[in-house]
Amino acid sequence: MFGLSELAVILVVVIVVLAVKKGPELARSAGKSARILKAEKRAAAEGDAPRVVPGEVVPPEGPTGPDARG
């Protein structure tokens, strides 16, 4: 069967293959996150009001509250 060194080599090859496929995507995502963090840090230091991103409000499903009957 396989020894420990053979399994380690197979594991390294699998990691390298996955890193080649996902590496650029992960780097791009990390760069976007860093830019957002830097912009938020700068806005907080300048004392700007927090930005509100307009979105859609989704009401909860079904009746809620103290008068709800189940």
N, C-alpha and C. Protein backbone atom coordinates (compact mmCIF):
# COMPACT_ATOMS: atom_id res chain seq x y z
N MET A 1 0.85 -1.18 0.00
CA MET A 1 0.00 0.00 0.00
C MET A 1 0.89 1.24 0.00
N PHE A 2 0.29 2.39 0.14
CA PHE A 2 1.04 3.64 0.13
C PHE A 2 1.65 3.91 1.49
N GLY A 3 2.84 4.48 1.46
CA GLY A 3 3.48 4.91 2.68
C GLY A 3 3.13 6.36 2.97
N LEU A 4 3.63 6.85 4.05
CA LEU A 4 3.34 8.23 4.47
C LEU A 4 3.90 9.24 3.48
N SER A 5 5.09 8.98 2.96
CA SER A 5 5.70 9.94 2.03
C SER A 5 4.93 10.00 0.70
N GLU A 6 4.43 8.86 0.23
CA GLU A 6 3.65 8.87 -1.00
C GLU A 6 2.34 9.63 -0.82
N LEU A 7 1.68 9.44 0.31
CA LEU A 7 0.45 10.16 0.59
C LEU A 7 0.70 11.65 0.71
N ALA A 8 1.83 12.04 1.30
CA ALA A 8 2.17 13.45 1.41
C ALA A 8 2.38 14.08 0.04
N VAL A 9 3.03 13.35 -0.87
CA VAL A 9 3.25 13.86 -2.22
C VAL A 9 1.91 14.02 -2.95
N ILE A 10 1.04 13.05 -2.82
CA ILE A 10 -0.28 13.14 -3.45
C ILE A 10 -1.06 14.32 -2.89
N LEU A 11 -1.00 14.52 -1.59
CA LEU A 11 -1.69 15.64 -0.96
C LEU A 11 -1.15 16.98 -1.46
N VAL A 12 0.15 17.09 -1.59
CA VAL A 12 0.76 18.32 -2.10
C VAL A 12 0.33 18.58 -3.54
N VAL A 13 0.28 17.56 -4.36
CA VAL A 13 -0.14 17.72 -5.75
C VAL A 13 -1.60 18.18 -5.82
N VAL A 14 -2.46 17.60 -5.01
CA VAL A 14 -3.87 17.99 -4.99
C VAL A 14 -4.01 19.44 -4.54
N ILE A 15 -3.27 19.84 -3.53
CA ILE A 15 -3.33 21.22 -3.04
C ILE A 15 -2.85 22.19 -4.13
N VAL A 16 -1.79 21.85 -4.82
CA VAL A 16 -1.27 22.72 -5.88
C VAL A 16 -2.29 22.85 -7.01
N VAL A 17 -2.91 21.74 -7.40
CA VAL A 17 -3.90 21.79 -8.48
C VAL A 17 -5.08 22.67 -8.07
N LEU A 18 -5.55 22.52 -6.84
CA LEU A 18 -6.67 23.35 -6.38
C LEU A 18 -6.25 24.80 -6.25
N ALA A 19 -5.03 25.06 -5.82
CA ALA A 19 -4.56 26.43 -5.66
C ALA A 19 -4.46 27.14 -7.01
N VAL A 20 -4.09 26.41 -8.05
CA VAL A 20 -3.99 27.01 -9.37
C VAL A 20 -5.37 27.42 -9.87
N LYS A 21 -6.38 26.62 -9.58
CA LYS A 21 -7.73 26.93 -10.02
C LYS A 21 -8.36 28.04 -9.20
N LYS A 22 -8.20 28.01 -7.89
CA LYS A 22 -8.91 28.94 -7.01
C LYS A 22 -8.06 30.14 -6.60
N GLY A 23 -6.78 30.12 -6.86
CA GLY A 23 -5.89 31.18 -6.42
C GLY A 23 -6.27 32.58 -6.88
N PRO A 24 -6.46 32.79 -8.17
CA PRO A 24 -6.83 34.13 -8.63
C PRO A 24 -8.15 34.62 -8.05
N GLU A 25 -9.11 33.72 -7.94
CA GLU A 25 -10.41 34.10 -7.38
C GLU A 25 -10.27 34.51 -5.91
N LEU A 26 -9.48 33.76 -5.16
CA LEU A 26 -9.27 34.10 -3.75
C LEU A 26 -8.51 35.41 -3.59
N ALA A 27 -7.52 35.64 -4.44
CA ALA A 27 -6.75 36.88 -4.37
C ALA A 27 -7.63 38.07 -4.72
N ARG A 28 -8.48 37.94 -5.72
CA ARG A 28 -9.40 39.02 -6.12
C ARG A 28 -10.36 39.33 -4.97
N SER A 29 -10.89 38.31 -4.35
CA SER A 29 -11.82 38.50 -3.24
C SER A 29 -11.14 39.16 -2.05
N ALA A 30 -9.92 38.75 -1.76
CA ALA A 30 -9.17 39.36 -0.66
C ALA A 30 -8.87 40.83 -0.96
N GLY A 31 -8.56 41.15 -2.21
CA GLY A 31 -8.31 42.54 -2.59
C GLY A 31 -9.54 43.41 -2.44
N LYS A 32 -10.70 42.90 -2.85
CA LYS A 32 -11.94 43.65 -2.69
C LYS A 32 -12.22 43.89 -1.21
N SER A 33 -12.03 42.87 -0.40
CA SER A 33 -12.28 43.01 1.04
C SER A 33 -11.35 44.04 1.66
N ALA A 34 -10.09 44.03 1.24
CA ALA A 34 -9.12 44.99 1.77
C ALA A 34 -9.49 46.41 1.38
N ARG A 35 -9.95 46.61 0.14
CA ARG A 35 -10.35 47.95 -0.30
C ARG A 35 -11.56 48.44 0.48
N ILE A 36 -12.53 47.57 0.71
CA ILE A 36 -13.72 47.94 1.47
C ILE A 36 -13.33 48.30 2.91
N LEU A 37 -12.48 47.49 3.51
CA LEU A 37 -12.05 47.75 4.88
C LEU A 37 -11.30 49.07 4.97
N LYS A 38 -10.44 49.35 4.00
CA LYS A 38 -9.69 50.60 4.00
C LYS A 38 -10.64 51.80 3.86
N ALA A 39 -11.62 51.68 2.97
CA ALA A 39 -12.57 52.78 2.77
C ALA A 39 -13.41 53.02 4.02
N GLU A 40 -13.83 51.97 4.67
CA GLU A 40 -14.62 52.12 5.90
C GLU A 40 -13.77 52.69 7.02
N LYS A 41 -12.52 52.29 7.10
CA LYS A 41 -11.63 52.82 8.12
C LYS A 41 -11.40 54.32 7.89
N ARG A 42 -11.21 54.71 6.64
CA ARG A 42 -11.01 56.12 6.31
C ARG A 42 -12.27 56.93 6.64
N ALA A 43 -13.44 56.39 6.32
CA ALA A 43 -14.69 57.08 6.60
C ALA A 43 -14.90 57.24 8.11
N ALA A 44 -14.54 56.23 8.87
CA ALA A 44 -14.70 56.31 10.32
C ALA A 44 -13.73 57.32 10.91
N ALA A 45 -12.53 57.40 10.36
CA ALA A 45 -11.53 58.36 10.87
C ALA A 45 -11.94 59.79 10.54
N GLU A 46 -12.58 60.01 9.40
CA GLU A 46 -13.00 61.34 9.00
C GLU A 46 -14.30 61.76 9.69
N GLY A 47 -14.96 60.83 10.33
CA GLY A 47 -16.19 61.15 11.03
C GLY A 47 -17.40 61.24 10.12
N ASP A 48 -17.30 60.69 8.94
CA ASP A 48 -18.44 60.70 8.03
C ASP A 48 -19.56 59.83 8.58
N ALA A 49 -20.76 60.16 8.18
CA ALA A 49 -21.90 59.33 8.57
C ALA A 49 -21.79 57.99 7.86
N PRO A 50 -22.24 56.94 8.49
CA PRO A 50 -22.16 55.63 7.83
C PRO A 50 -23.02 55.62 6.58
N ARG A 51 -22.52 54.94 5.57
CA ARG A 51 -23.26 54.83 4.32
C ARG A 51 -24.39 53.83 4.48
N VAL A 52 -25.53 54.17 3.95
CA VAL A 52 -26.67 53.26 3.98
C VAL A 52 -26.88 52.77 2.56
N VAL A 53 -26.87 51.48 2.42
CA VAL A 53 -27.06 50.88 1.11
C VAL A 53 -28.55 50.57 0.97
N PRO A 54 -29.21 51.18 -0.02
CA PRO A 54 -30.64 50.91 -0.17
C PRO A 54 -30.87 49.46 -0.56
N GLY A 55 -31.89 48.90 0.02
CA GLY A 55 -32.18 47.50 -0.28
C GLY A 55 -33.67 47.26 -0.19
N GLU A 56 -34.04 46.05 -0.36
CA GLU A 56 -35.44 45.66 -0.32
C GLU A 56 -35.74 45.09 1.05
N VAL A 57 -36.84 45.56 1.64
CA VAL A 57 -37.25 45.07 2.94
C VAL A 57 -38.20 43.91 2.72
N VAL A 58 -37.88 42.78 3.31
CA VAL A 58 -38.71 41.60 3.15
C VAL A 58 -39.47 41.39 4.45
N PRO A 59 -40.80 41.47 4.43
CA PRO A 59 -41.57 41.28 5.67
C PRO A 59 -41.49 39.82 6.12
N PRO A 60 -41.61 39.60 7.41
CA PRO A 60 -41.57 38.21 7.91
C PRO A 60 -42.78 37.44 7.41
N GLU A 61 -42.62 36.14 7.32
CA GLU A 61 -43.71 35.30 6.85
C GLU A 61 -44.69 35.03 7.97
N GLY A 62 -45.96 35.09 7.65
CA GLY A 62 -47.00 34.75 8.61
C GLY A 62 -47.21 35.83 9.65
N PRO A 63 -48.25 35.65 10.46
CA PRO A 63 -48.54 36.62 11.50
C PRO A 63 -47.49 36.55 12.62
N THR A 64 -47.13 37.73 13.10
CA THR A 64 -46.17 37.79 14.20
C THR A 64 -46.68 38.79 15.21
N GLY A 65 -46.11 38.78 16.37
CA GLY A 65 -46.48 39.74 17.39
C GLY A 65 -47.33 39.10 18.48
N PRO A 66 -47.73 39.91 19.45
CA PRO A 66 -48.45 39.37 20.60
C PRO A 66 -49.88 38.91 20.26
N ASP A 67 -50.47 39.46 19.19
CA ASP A 67 -51.84 39.08 18.84
C ASP A 67 -51.92 37.93 17.84
N ALA A 68 -50.79 37.34 17.50
CA ALA A 68 -50.79 36.26 16.51
C ALA A 68 -51.42 35.02 17.09
N ARG A 69 -52.24 34.39 16.28
CA ARG A 69 -52.90 33.15 16.70
C ARG A 69 -52.31 32.00 15.91
N GLY A 70 -52.02 30.94 16.58
CA GLY A 70 -51.39 29.84 15.89
C GLY A 70 -52.18 28.66 15.87
